[in-house]
Protein backbone atom coordinates (compact mmCIF):
# COMPACT_ATOMS: atom_id res chain seq x y z
CA MET A 1 -3.71 22.58 65.70
CA PRO A 2 -7.19 20.57 64.56
CA GLU A 3 -10.58 21.84 66.12
CA SER A 4 -11.83 19.23 68.85
CA THR A 5 -14.81 17.46 66.99
CA THR A 6 -17.48 14.65 69.30
CA SER A 7 -16.58 11.80 67.00
CA GLU A 8 -13.97 10.27 68.92
CA HIS A 9 -15.32 11.20 72.03
CA ALA A 10 -18.31 9.52 70.99
CA LEU A 11 -16.49 6.30 69.85
CA TYR A 12 -14.33 6.40 72.96
CA PRO A 13 -16.54 7.59 75.89
CA HIS A 14 -13.98 8.75 78.50
CA SER A 15 -14.38 10.45 81.65
CA THR A 16 -11.83 13.22 81.22
CA ASN A 17 -12.66 16.87 80.54
CA PHE A 18 -11.37 17.97 77.36
CA GLU A 19 -13.46 20.94 77.26
CA GLY A 20 -10.77 23.73 76.07
CA ARG A 21 -8.42 21.58 75.32
CA PRO A 22 -8.07 20.81 71.60
CA PRO A 23 -7.03 17.96 70.07
CA PRO A 24 -3.55 16.89 69.10
CA PRO A 25 -1.92 17.41 65.75
CA LYS A 26 -2.61 14.39 63.57
CA GLU A 27 1.05 13.73 63.52
CA GLY A 28 0.99 13.96 67.35
CA TYR A 29 3.14 16.69 69.28
CA SER A 30 6.46 18.65 67.99
CA TRP A 31 9.78 19.38 69.90
CA GLU A 32 8.70 22.99 69.85
CA GLN A 33 5.10 22.57 70.86
CA ILE A 34 6.52 20.67 74.20
CA THR A 35 8.96 22.79 75.13
CA ALA A 36 6.97 25.77 74.77
CA ALA A 37 4.16 24.26 77.03
CA ILE A 38 6.72 23.81 79.33
CA ASP A 39 8.17 27.39 79.06
CA SER A 40 4.70 28.95 79.10
CA LYS A 41 3.92 26.71 81.96
CA SER A 42 0.80 25.48 79.95
CA LEU A 43 1.44 22.02 80.20
CA HIS A 44 -3.00 21.72 80.08
CA ALA A 45 -2.67 22.36 75.97
CA LEU A 46 -0.65 18.33 75.97
CA ARG A 47 -3.55 16.01 75.55
CA ARG A 48 -3.87 12.31 75.20
CA THR A 49 -6.28 11.65 72.38
CA ASP A 50 -10.18 10.70 73.15
CA LYS A 51 -9.36 7.05 71.72
CA GLY A 52 -5.97 7.01 73.79
CA GLN A 53 -7.89 8.48 77.32
CA TRP A 54 -10.54 5.78 76.37
CA GLU A 55 -7.29 3.35 76.58
CA TYR A 56 -6.28 4.29 79.55
CA GLU A 57 -8.87 4.54 81.57
CA VAL A 58 -9.98 1.01 80.06
CA TRP A 59 -6.52 -0.36 81.60
CA GLN A 60 -7.03 1.42 84.79
CA ASP A 61 -10.25 -0.27 85.20
CA GLN A 62 -9.09 -3.72 85.20
CA ILE A 63 -6.47 -2.84 88.06
CA ASP A 64 -7.73 -4.26 91.70
CA ARG A 65 -8.21 -1.94 93.86
CA ALA A 66 -9.51 -3.85 96.45
CA LYS A 67 -5.95 -5.75 96.33
CA TYR A 68 -3.49 -2.71 95.11
CA GLY A 69 -5.93 -0.03 96.41
CA ASN A 70 -4.74 2.24 93.95
CA VAL A 71 -3.11 3.24 90.34
CA GLY A 72 -0.18 4.67 91.85
CA ARG A 73 1.08 0.95 93.68
CA TYR A 74 -0.19 -1.33 91.59
CA ILE A 75 2.41 0.31 88.74
CA ALA A 76 5.22 0.07 91.71
CA LEU A 77 4.67 -3.09 92.48
CA THR A 78 3.60 -4.71 89.12
CA VAL A 79 5.00 -2.79 86.35
CA LEU A 80 8.19 -1.26 88.35
CA HIS A 81 8.53 -4.21 90.56
CA TRP A 82 9.22 -2.54 93.56
CA PRO A 83 8.91 -3.98 96.85
CA ASP A 84 7.47 -1.19 98.07
CA LEU A 85 6.91 2.72 97.42
CA LEU A 86 9.29 3.75 100.24
CA ASP A 87 12.33 6.01 99.45
CA PRO A 88 15.34 3.89 100.52
CA ALA A 89 16.54 6.29 103.00
CA GLU A 90 12.94 6.24 105.18
CA GLU A 91 13.25 2.26 105.44
CA THR A 92 16.53 2.66 106.50
CA ARG A 93 14.79 5.65 109.20
CA ALA A 94 11.48 2.86 109.43
CA ASP A 95 14.23 -0.38 110.37
CA ASN A 96 16.23 1.32 112.74
CA GLY A 97 12.99 2.91 114.66
CA ASN A 98 14.76 5.99 114.54
CA ASP A 99 11.93 8.52 115.91
CA ASP A 100 13.59 10.74 118.31
CA ILE A 101 13.65 15.10 117.84
CA GLY A 102 16.89 15.03 115.58
CA SER A 103 14.99 12.05 113.53
CA SER A 104 13.96 14.80 110.66
CA LEU A 105 17.10 16.10 110.48
CA ALA A 106 18.76 12.62 110.40
CA LEU A 107 16.22 11.73 107.55
CA GLN A 108 17.43 14.92 105.49
CA GLU A 109 20.76 13.73 105.69
CA ARG A 110 19.98 10.27 104.80
CA TYR A 111 18.56 11.77 102.03
CA ARG A 112 21.49 13.72 101.04
CA VAL A 113 23.43 10.37 100.63
CA MET A 114 21.13 7.55 99.92
CA ALA A 115 20.10 8.04 96.40
CA PRO A 116 16.40 7.28 95.84
CA ARG A 117 14.71 4.27 94.06
CA LEU A 118 14.49 5.09 90.30
CA THR A 119 13.01 3.49 87.11
CA LEU A 120 12.47 4.90 83.66
CA ARG A 121 10.28 3.31 81.47
CA LEU A 122 8.45 4.55 78.13
CA ASN A 123 5.36 5.81 78.48
CA HIS A 124 2.68 2.90 76.96
CA TYR A 125 -0.44 5.78 77.75
CA PRO A 126 1.20 8.85 76.23
CA PHE A 127 -0.38 11.92 74.16
CA PRO A 128 1.22 11.23 70.96
CA VAL A 129 4.37 12.98 69.70
CA GLN A 130 6.27 12.82 66.85
CA ASP A 131 8.34 9.91 65.42
CA SER A 132 11.38 11.46 66.03
CA ILE A 133 11.01 12.01 69.84
CA GLN A 134 10.30 9.02 72.24
CA TYR A 135 7.98 9.80 75.55
CA PHE A 136 9.62 8.08 78.99
CA VAL A 137 8.32 8.42 82.44
CA LEU A 138 10.81 8.18 85.40
CA TRP A 139 9.07 7.15 88.67
CA ALA A 140 11.08 7.96 91.87
CA THR A 141 10.27 7.29 95.43
CA ARG A 142 11.15 10.77 95.99
CA ASP A 143 10.48 13.87 94.29
CA ILE A 144 13.57 14.22 92.15
CA SER A 145 12.70 16.98 90.69
CA VAL A 146 13.39 19.56 93.51
CA VAL A 147 16.64 21.32 93.78
CA SER A 148 18.10 19.30 96.19
CA GLU A 149 18.19 16.59 93.95
CA ARG A 150 18.49 18.03 90.75
CA GLU A 151 22.37 16.84 89.95
CA ARG A 152 21.42 13.32 91.26
CA LEU A 153 18.65 13.74 88.53
CA ASP A 154 20.60 15.04 85.55
CA ARG A 155 23.30 12.53 86.36
CA TYR A 156 20.92 9.38 85.91
CA LEU A 157 19.31 10.69 83.02
CA GLU A 158 22.88 11.35 81.01
CA GLU A 159 23.71 7.81 82.43
CA GLN A 160 20.64 6.68 81.14
CA PHE A 161 20.63 8.46 77.62
CA VAL A 162 24.69 9.06 77.12
CA GLY A 163 26.17 6.56 79.15
CA ARG A 164 28.05 5.99 82.73
CA VAL A 165 29.73 9.30 83.43
CA LEU A 166 33.50 9.26 83.38
CA GLU A 167 35.31 10.16 86.58
CA GLU A 168 38.45 11.99 86.33
CA GLY A 169 41.07 10.19 85.05
CA GLN A 170 38.43 7.45 83.41
CA THR A 171 38.30 6.10 79.49
CA GLY A 172 36.80 3.96 77.72
CA GLU A 173 33.61 3.91 75.60
CA ARG A 174 30.05 5.50 77.26
CA LYS A 175 26.86 2.92 76.29
CA PRO A 176 23.84 4.14 77.60
CA LEU A 177 21.74 2.18 79.73
CA CYS A 178 18.46 3.09 78.81
CA GLU A 179 17.47 -0.26 77.02
CA GLU A 180 14.79 1.03 75.76
CA MET A 181 15.66 3.89 73.77
CA HIS A 182 16.81 3.75 69.99
CA PRO A 183 19.88 4.58 69.28
CA ALA A 184 21.36 7.83 68.19
CA LYS A 185 22.00 7.54 64.70
CA ALA A 186 25.16 8.22 63.10
CA GLY A 187 26.15 12.01 63.26
CA LYS A 188 23.94 12.40 66.04
CA LYS A 189 23.95 12.84 70.03
CA LYS A 190 20.68 12.29 71.86
CA GLU A 191 18.58 15.66 73.96
CA TRP A 192 16.37 15.63 76.25
CA ILE A 193 13.97 17.58 78.20
CA TRP A 194 11.47 16.77 81.25
CA PHE A 195 8.67 18.69 82.93
CA VAL A 196 6.31 17.41 86.15
CA ASN A 197 2.57 17.60 85.56
CA PRO A 198 1.32 19.97 87.99
CA ILE A 199 -0.97 18.00 90.57
CA GLU A 200 -4.65 18.37 88.85
CA LEU A 201 -2.99 16.75 85.83
CA ARG A 202 -1.56 13.91 87.00
CA SER A 203 -3.56 10.85 87.11
CA VAL A 204 -0.91 9.17 88.76
CA ALA A 205 -0.56 10.96 92.19
CA THR A 206 1.13 8.78 94.80
CA VAL A 207 4.11 7.96 93.02
CA HIS A 208 6.58 10.68 91.98
CA HIS A 209 7.17 10.50 87.96
CA LEU A 210 8.66 12.73 85.67
CA HIS A 211 7.86 12.90 81.55
CA VAL A 212 10.60 13.02 79.77
CA PHE A 213 11.34 13.34 76.03
CA VAL A 214 14.50 12.69 74.03
CA ARG A 215 15.45 12.87 70.69
CA ASP A 216 18.40 13.11 68.38
CA VAL A 217 20.14 16.48 67.49
CA ASP A 218 23.22 17.00 65.38
CA VAL A 219 26.80 16.43 67.36
């Protein structure tokens, strides 16, 4: 991995401290480097280029904070086109005005039976990855990475990258729901991995999101 230089930062000044975090490889991070960072819990090793960070901060500076309050709310309302940041289960609670003693248990049950709002989009300000990898962000109205949500998460990603899960007795062609994903090449299928940044690495802390990486592998 190349050594950090000051020349790029001079051309593209930004406010993020990359000290001790070498710049990405010119060809982008490999699948092996991403999985190694996940497995070793060293996600700080993955970072944008200085130019990429500068572009991201320029974009953030253009957001009307007086109108939207923060970056997360801006993304939810204008990029993801959500009606608000509430989870559907929480919206139901608000509509019912349910604040009794058992309401917390009732909310947990609504979380179990009601799906969160989920939107999968390509990451437009990513750290660089190799051309064989697509880098998405999965935005959610609740923490979809927790154990209680894992089955729902796995099913959602499978439907996005492979196709709707066929129930017992159902037949038919499975078509991926993700329109931004490159189709799998002949003799290939999709493989994906994901992670959630620790709090100190999150540039958007007000909306739950996962970083998702997809590539072709042999069938």
